Amino acid sequence: MAKRLVDLIRSVDTVLDERRRLAQQEKRLVGALNRALAKMGYAVVAAKGGGGRRRRRRRGRRPGRKPKAA
């Protein structure tokens, strides 16, 4: 049982290392592409948000707020 657990942990660790390496390689490649495109007046932008998510503003008053005085 302990051997299977060690093998599983090793496998997960290997997969995580590979994902980290691929993320670093992707970042380098996108950076190089962005530099090349910048020379032509273009830029690479994210299609779906990761870090730049905007909070959508709701209409109406926030819950828990007092109503406006008439």
PDB file of N, CA and C in Angstrom:
ATOM      1  N   MET A   1       0.828  -1.192   0.000  1.00  0.00           N
ATOM      2  CA  MET A   1       0.000   0.000   0.000  1.00  0.00           C
ATOM      3  C   MET A   1       0.871   1.255   0.000  1.00  0.00           C
ATOM      4  N   ALA A   2       1.919   1.268   0.828  1.00  0.00           N
ATOM      5  CA  ALA A   2       2.795   2.441   0.909  1.00  0.00           C
ATOM      6  C   ALA A   2       3.533   2.655  -0.408  1.00  0.00           C
ATOM      7  N   LYS A   3       3.894   1.578  -1.094  1.00  0.00           N
ATOM      8  CA  LYS A   3       4.599   1.702  -2.369  1.00  0.00           C
ATOM      9  C   LYS A   3       3.695   2.344  -3.419  1.00  0.00           C
ATOM     10  N   ARG A   4       2.420   1.969  -3.418  1.00  0.00           N
ATOM     11  CA  ARG A   4       1.477   2.546  -4.372  1.00  0.00           C
ATOM     12  C   ARG A   4       1.290   4.033  -4.104  1.00  0.00           C
ATOM     13  N   LEU A   5       1.259   4.403  -2.833  1.00  0.00           N
ATOM     14  CA  LEU A   5       1.112   5.812  -2.477  1.00  0.00           C
ATOM     15  C   LEU A   5       2.328   6.614  -2.926  1.00  0.00           C
ATOM     16  N   VAL A   6       3.508   6.056  -2.724  1.00  0.00           N
ATOM     17  CA  VAL A   6       4.740   6.727  -3.150  1.00  0.00           C
ATOM     18  C   VAL A   6       4.758   6.882  -4.665  1.00  0.00           C
ATOM     19  N   ASP A   7       4.333   5.831  -5.386  1.00  0.00           N
ATOM     20  CA  ASP A   7       4.279   5.906  -6.845  1.00  0.00           C
ATOM     21  C   ASP A   7       3.276   6.968  -7.308  1.00  0.00           C
ATOM     22  N   LEU A   8       2.145   7.030  -6.639  1.00  0.00           N
ATOM     23  CA  LEU A   8       1.137   8.025  -6.984  1.00  0.00           C
ATOM     24  C   LEU A   8       1.665   9.439  -6.751  1.00  0.00           C
ATOM     25  N   ILE A   9       2.305   9.656  -5.634  1.00  0.00           N
ATOM     26  CA  ILE A   9       2.861  10.978  -5.321  1.00  0.00           C
ATOM     27  C   ILE A   9       3.924  11.356  -6.345  1.00  0.00           C
ATOM     28  N   ARG A  10       4.752  10.399  -6.721  1.00  0.00           N
ATOM     29  CA  ARG A  10       5.780  10.651  -7.727  1.00  0.00           C
ATOM     30  C   ARG A  10       5.149  11.018  -9.068  1.00  0.00           C
ATOM     31  N   SER A  11       4.089  10.314  -9.431  1.00  0.00           N
ATOM     32  CA  SER A  11       3.413  10.589 -10.705  1.00  0.00           C
ATOM     33  C   SER A  11       2.796  11.983 -10.700  1.00  0.00           C
ATOM     34  N   VAL A  12       2.132  12.337  -9.622  1.00  0.00           N
ATOM     35  CA  VAL A  12       1.520  13.666  -9.521  1.00  0.00           C
ATOM     36  C   VAL A  12       2.593  14.743  -9.559  1.00  0.00           C
ATOM     37  N   ASP A  13       3.683  14.509  -8.879  1.00  0.00           N
ATOM     38  CA  ASP A  13       4.787  15.467  -8.866  1.00  0.00           C
ATOM     39  C   ASP A  13       5.356  15.654 -10.274  1.00  0.00           C
ATOM     40  N   THR A  14       5.474  14.561 -11.013  1.00  0.00           N
ATOM     41  CA  THR A  14       5.975  14.628 -12.385  1.00  0.00           C
ATOM     42  C   THR A  14       5.037  15.443 -13.265  1.00  0.00           C
ATOM     43  N   VAL A  15       3.742  15.210 -13.129  1.00  0.00           N
ATOM     44  CA  VAL A  15       2.757  15.945 -13.927  1.00  0.00           C
ATOM     45  C   VAL A  15       2.801  17.435 -13.583  1.00  0.00           C
ATOM     46  N   LEU A  16       2.895  17.755 -12.302  1.00  0.00           N
ATOM     47  CA  LEU A  16       2.952  19.162 -11.899  1.00  0.00           C
ATOM     48  C   LEU A  16       4.210  19.845 -12.411  1.00  0.00           C
ATOM     49  N   ASP A  17       5.337  19.146 -12.370  1.00  0.00           N
ATOM     50  CA  ASP A  17       6.578  19.718 -12.915  1.00  0.00           C
ATOM     51  C   ASP A  17       6.440  19.995 -14.405  1.00  0.00           C
ATOM     52  N   GLU A  18       5.828  19.068 -15.119  1.00  0.00           N
ATOM     53  CA  GLU A  18       5.661  19.252 -16.555  1.00  0.00           C
ATOM     54  C   GLU A  18       4.734  20.433 -16.845  1.00  0.00           C
ATOM     55  N   ARG A  19       3.672  20.566 -16.060  1.00  0.00           N
ATOM     56  CA  ARG A  19       2.767  21.704 -16.247  1.00  0.00           C
ATOM     57  C   ARG A  19       3.481  23.026 -15.993  1.00  0.00           C
ATOM     58  N   ARG A  20       4.336  23.062 -14.968  1.00  0.00           N
ATOM     59  CA  ARG A  20       5.104  24.291 -14.683  1.00  0.00           C
ATOM     60  C   ARG A  20       6.040  24.625 -15.838  1.00  0.00           C
ATOM     61  N   ARG A  21       6.720  23.602 -16.345  1.00  0.00           N
ATOM     62  CA  ARG A  21       7.643  23.829 -17.470  1.00  0.00           C
ATOM     63  C   ARG A  21       6.891  24.327 -18.699  1.00  0.00           C
ATOM     64  N   LEU A  22       5.734  23.727 -18.974  1.00  0.00           N
ATOM     65  CA  LEU A  22       4.953  24.157 -20.131  1.00  0.00           C
ATOM     66  C   LEU A  22       4.437  25.579 -19.957  1.00  0.00           C
ATOM     67  N   ALA A  23       4.048  25.946 -18.761  1.00  0.00           N
ATOM     68  CA  ALA A  23       3.583  27.308 -18.506  1.00  0.00           C
ATOM     69  C   ALA A  23       4.708  28.314 -18.720  1.00  0.00           C
ATOM     70  N   GLN A  24       5.907  27.982 -18.261  1.00  0.00           N
ATOM     71  CA  GLN A  24       7.049  28.872 -18.461  1.00  0.00           C
ATOM     72  C   GLN A  24       7.380  29.001 -19.937  1.00  0.00           C
ATOM     73  N   GLN A  25       7.348  27.879 -20.670  1.00  0.00           N
ATOM     74  CA  GLN A  25       7.639  27.907 -22.089  1.00  0.00           C
ATOM     75  C   GLN A  25       6.577  28.723 -22.837  1.00  0.00           C
ATOM     76  N   GLU A  26       5.315  28.547 -22.460  1.00  0.00           N
ATOM     77  CA  GLU A  26       4.246  29.310 -23.092  1.00  0.00           C
ATOM     78  C   GLU A  26       4.424  30.800 -22.838  1.00  0.00           C
ATOM     79  N   LYS A  27       4.809  31.153 -21.613  1.00  0.00           N
ATOM     80  CA  LYS A  27       5.021  32.560 -21.287  1.00  0.00           C
ATOM     81  C   LYS A  27       6.155  33.151 -22.127  1.00  0.00           C
ATOM     82  N   ARG A  28       7.239  32.392 -22.283  1.00  0.00           N
ATOM     83  CA  ARG A  28       8.353  32.867 -23.114  1.00  0.00           C
ATOM     84  C   ARG A  28       7.928  33.042 -24.564  1.00  0.00           C
ATOM     85  N   LEU A  29       7.185  32.056 -25.098  1.00  0.00           N
ATOM     86  CA  LEU A  29       6.769  32.120 -26.498  1.00  0.00           C
ATOM     87  C   LEU A  29       5.795  33.269 -26.747  1.00  0.00           C
ATOM     88  N   VAL A  30       4.851  33.471 -25.841  1.00  0.00           N
ATOM     89  CA  VAL A  30       3.902  34.573 -26.005  1.00  0.00           C
ATOM     90  C   VAL A  30       4.630  35.909 -25.896  1.00  0.00           C
ATOM     91  N   GLY A  31       5.612  35.988 -25.005  1.00  0.00           N
ATOM     92  CA  GLY A  31       6.405  37.213 -24.901  1.00  0.00           C
ATOM     93  C   GLY A  31       7.164  37.512 -26.180  1.00  0.00           C
ATOM     94  N   ALA A  32       7.764  36.476 -26.769  1.00  0.00           N
ATOM     95  CA  ALA A  32       8.490  36.662 -28.027  1.00  0.00           C
ATOM     96  C   ALA A  32       7.536  37.063 -29.145  1.00  0.00           C
ATOM     97  N   LEU A  33       6.378  36.425 -29.195  1.00  0.00           N
ATOM     98  CA  LEU A  33       5.384  36.772 -30.204  1.00  0.00           C
ATOM     99  C   LEU A  33       4.892  38.200 -30.006  1.00  0.00           C
ATOM    100  N   ASN A  34       4.673  38.584 -28.766  1.00  0.00           N
ATOM    101  CA  ASN A  34       4.214  39.940 -28.479  1.00  0.00           C
ATOM    102  C   ASN A  34       5.251  40.974 -28.908  1.00  0.00           C
ATOM    103  N   ARG A  35       6.521  40.679 -28.656  1.00  0.00           N
ATOM    104  CA  ARG A  35       7.580  41.612 -29.092  1.00  0.00           C
ATOM    105  C   ARG A  35       7.621  41.730 -30.607  1.00  0.00           C
ATOM    106  N   ALA A  36       7.472  40.597 -31.307  1.00  0.00           N
ATOM    107  CA  ALA A  36       7.498  40.627 -32.771  1.00  0.00           C
ATOM    108  C   ALA A  36       6.281  41.378 -33.316  1.00  0.00           C
ATOM    109  N   LEU A  37       5.115  41.117 -32.732  1.00  0.00           N
ATOM    110  CA  LEU A  37       3.908  41.786 -33.201  1.00  0.00           C
ATOM    111  C   LEU A  37       3.907  43.268 -32.863  1.00  0.00           C
ATOM    112  N   ALA A  38       4.560  43.644 -31.759  1.00  0.00           N
ATOM    113  CA  ALA A  38       4.621  45.061 -31.372  1.00  0.00           C
ATOM    114  C   ALA A  38       5.343  45.880 -32.438  1.00  0.00           C
ATOM    115  N   LYS A  39       6.299  45.261 -33.099  1.00  0.00           N
ATOM    116  CA  LYS A  39       7.017  45.958 -34.171  1.00  0.00           C
ATOM    117  C   LYS A  39       6.105  46.255 -35.353  1.00  0.00           C
ATOM    118  N   MET A  40       5.047  45.453 -35.484  1.00  0.00           N
ATOM    119  CA  MET A  40       4.090  45.652 -36.580  1.00  0.00           C
ATOM    120  C   MET A  40       2.852  46.416 -36.116  1.00  0.00           C
ATOM    121  N   GLY A  41       2.805  46.777 -34.829  1.00  0.00           N
ATOM    122  CA  GLY A  41       1.690  47.552 -34.319  1.00  0.00           C
ATOM    123  C   GLY A  41       0.569  46.714 -33.720  1.00  0.00           C
ATOM    124  N   TYR A  42       0.833  45.455 -33.445  1.00  0.00           N
ATOM    125  CA  TYR A  42      -0.178  44.580 -32.864  1.00  0.00           C
ATOM    126  C   TYR A  42       0.280  44.096 -31.494  1.00  0.00           C
ATOM    127  N   ALA A  43      -0.631  43.457 -30.753  1.00  0.00           N
ATOM    128  CA  ALA A  43      -0.288  42.902 -29.446  1.00  0.00           C
ATOM    129  C   ALA A  43      -1.146  41.671 -29.181  1.00  0.00           C
ATOM    130  N   VAL A  44      -0.609  40.755 -28.388  1.00  0.00           N
ATOM    131  CA  VAL A  44      -1.343  39.569 -27.974  1.00  0.00           C
ATOM    132  C   VAL A  44      -2.072  39.910 -26.681  1.00  0.00           C
ATOM    133  N   VAL A  45      -3.368  39.636 -26.647  1.00  0.00           N
ATOM    134  CA  VAL A  45      -4.158  39.860 -25.438  1.00  0.00           C
ATOM    135  C   VAL A  45      -4.898  38.577 -25.091  1.00  0.00           C
ATOM    136  N   ALA A  46      -5.203  38.398 -23.820  1.00  0.00           N
ATOM    137  CA  ALA A  46      -5.894  37.197 -23.370  1.00  0.00           C
ATOM    138  C   ALA A  46      -7.337  37.220 -23.849  1.00  0.00           C
ATOM    139  N   ALA A  47      -7.805  36.080 -24.376  1.00  0.00           N
ATOM    140  CA  ALA A  47      -9.184  35.984 -24.847  1.00  0.00           C
ATOM    141  C   ALA A  47     -10.135  35.811 -23.673  1.00  0.00           C
ATOM    142  N   LYS A  48      -9.742  35.000 -22.709  1.00  0.00           N
ATOM    143  CA  LYS A  48     -10.554  34.790 -21.522  1.00  0.00           C
ATOM    144  C   LYS A  48      -9.736  35.200 -20.325  1.00  0.00           C
ATOM    145  N   GLY A  49     -10.375  35.884 -19.400  1.00  0.00           N
ATOM    146  CA  GLY A  49      -9.668  36.483 -18.277  1.00  0.00           C
ATOM    147  C   GLY A  49      -9.064  35.489 -17.322  1.00  0.00           C
ATOM    148  N   GLY A  50      -7.875  35.796 -16.890  1.00  0.00           N
ATOM    149  CA  GLY A  50      -7.247  35.085 -15.809  1.00  0.00           C
ATOM    150  C   GLY A  50      -7.116  36.050 -14.650  1.00  0.00           C
ATOM    151  N   GLY A  51      -6.306  37.070 -14.867  1.00  0.00           N
ATOM    152  CA  GLY A  51      -6.077  38.025 -13.798  1.00  0.00           C
ATOM    153  C   GLY A  51      -6.835  39.322 -13.970  1.00  0.00           C
ATOM    154  N   GLY A  52      -7.255  39.630 -15.189  1.00  0.00           N
ATOM    155  CA  GLY A  52      -7.866  40.918 -15.449  1.00  0.00           C
ATOM    156  C   GLY A  52      -9.375  40.899 -15.430  1.00  0.00           C
ATOM    157  N   ARG A  53      -9.942  40.139 -14.552  1.00  0.00           N
ATOM    158  CA  ARG A  53     -11.405  40.069 -14.519  1.00  0.00           C
ATOM    159  C   ARG A  53     -11.989  41.348 -13.947  1.00  0.00           C
ATOM    160  N   ARG A  54     -13.035  41.798 -14.566  1.00  0.00           N
ATOM    161  CA  ARG A  54     -13.716  42.989 -14.075  1.00  0.00           C
ATOM    162  C   ARG A  54     -14.992  42.568 -13.383  1.00  0.00           C
ATOM    163  N   ARG A  55     -15.272  43.253 -12.298  1.00  0.00           N
ATOM    164  CA  ARG A  55     -16.508  42.964 -11.595  1.00  0.00           C
ATOM    165  C   ARG A  55     -17.645  43.710 -12.273  1.00  0.00           C
ATOM    166  N   ARG A  56     -18.697  43.007 -12.559  1.00  0.00           N
ATOM    167  CA  ARG A  56     -19.829  43.622 -13.232  1.00  0.00           C
ATOM    168  C   ARG A  56     -20.662  44.410 -12.222  1.00  0.00           C
ATOM    169  N   ARG A  57     -20.960  45.612 -12.570  1.00  0.00           N
ATOM    170  CA  ARG A  57     -21.728  46.480 -11.676  1.00  0.00           C
ATOM    171  C   ARG A  57     -23.212  46.170 -11.833  1.00  0.00           C
ATOM    172  N   ARG A  58     -23.859  45.860 -10.729  1.00  0.00           N
ATOM    173  CA  ARG A  58     -25.286  45.550 -10.755  1.00  0.00           C
ATOM    174  C   ARG A  58     -26.106  46.817 -10.662  1.00  0.00           C
ATOM    175  N   ARG A  59     -27.296  46.744 -11.218  1.00  0.00           N
ATOM    176  CA  ARG A  59     -28.207  47.883 -11.133  1.00  0.00           C
ATOM    177  C   ARG A  59     -28.938  47.843  -9.798  1.00  0.00           C
ATOM    178  N   GLY A  60     -29.367  48.975  -9.348  1.00  0.00           N
ATOM    179  CA  GLY A  60     -30.143  49.041  -8.119  1.00  0.00           C
ATOM    180  C   GLY A  60     -29.265  49.168  -6.895  1.00  0.00           C
ATOM    181  N   ARG A  61     -29.915  49.202  -5.758  1.00  0.00           N
ATOM    182  CA  ARG A  61     -29.167  49.383  -4.507  1.00  0.00           C
ATOM    183  C   ARG A  61     -28.611  48.049  -4.025  1.00  0.00           C
ATOM    184  N   ARG A  62     -27.570  48.133  -3.236  1.00  0.00           N
ATOM    185  CA  ARG A  62     -26.948  46.939  -2.687  1.00  0.00           C
ATOM    186  C   ARG A  62     -27.800  46.379  -1.562  1.00  0.00           C
ATOM    187  N   PRO A  63     -27.788  45.065  -1.383  1.00  0.00           N
ATOM    188  CA  PRO A  63     -28.556  44.475  -0.292  1.00  0.00           C
ATOM    189  C   PRO A  63     -28.066  45.015   1.060  1.00  0.00           C
ATOM    190  N   GLY A  64     -29.014  45.301   1.930  1.00  0.00           N
ATOM    191  CA  GLY A  64     -28.657  45.797   3.255  1.00  0.00           C
ATOM    192  C   GLY A  64     -28.593  47.307   3.355  1.00  0.00           C
ATOM    193  N   ARG A  65     -28.723  47.996   2.218  1.00  0.00           N
ATOM    194  CA  ARG A  65     -28.684  49.464   2.237  1.00  0.00           C
ATOM    195  C   ARG A  65     -30.069  50.024   2.542  1.00  0.00           C
ATOM    196  N   LYS A  66     -30.091  51.171   3.172  1.00  0.00           N
ATOM    197  CA  LYS A  66     -31.352  51.823   3.487  1.00  0.00           C
ATOM    198  C   LYS A  66     -31.949  52.411   2.191  1.00  0.00           C
ATOM    199  N   PRO A  67     -33.269  52.414   2.084  1.00  0.00           N
ATOM    200  CA  PRO A  67     -33.875  53.039   0.902  1.00  0.00           C
ATOM    201  C   PRO A  67     -33.672  54.552   0.938  1.00  0.00           C
ATOM    202  N   LYS A  68     -33.699  55.162  -0.216  1.00  0.00           N
ATOM    203  CA  LYS A  68     -33.540  56.614  -0.294  1.00  0.00           C
ATOM    204  C   LYS A  68     -34.720  57.298   0.376  1.00  0.00           C
ATOM    205  N   ALA A  69     -34.419  58.405   1.032  1.00  0.00           N
ATOM    206  CA  ALA A  69     -35.485  59.185   1.679  1.00  0.00           C
ATOM    207  C   ALA A  69     -36.272  59.928   0.617  1.00  0.00           C
ATOM    208  N   ALA A  70     -37.587  59.974   0.771  1.00  0.00           N
ATOM    209  CA  ALA A  70     -38.444  60.634  -0.226  1.00  0.00           C
ATOM    210  C   ALA A  70     -38.524  62.114  -0.009  1.00  0.00           C
TER     211      ALA A  70
END
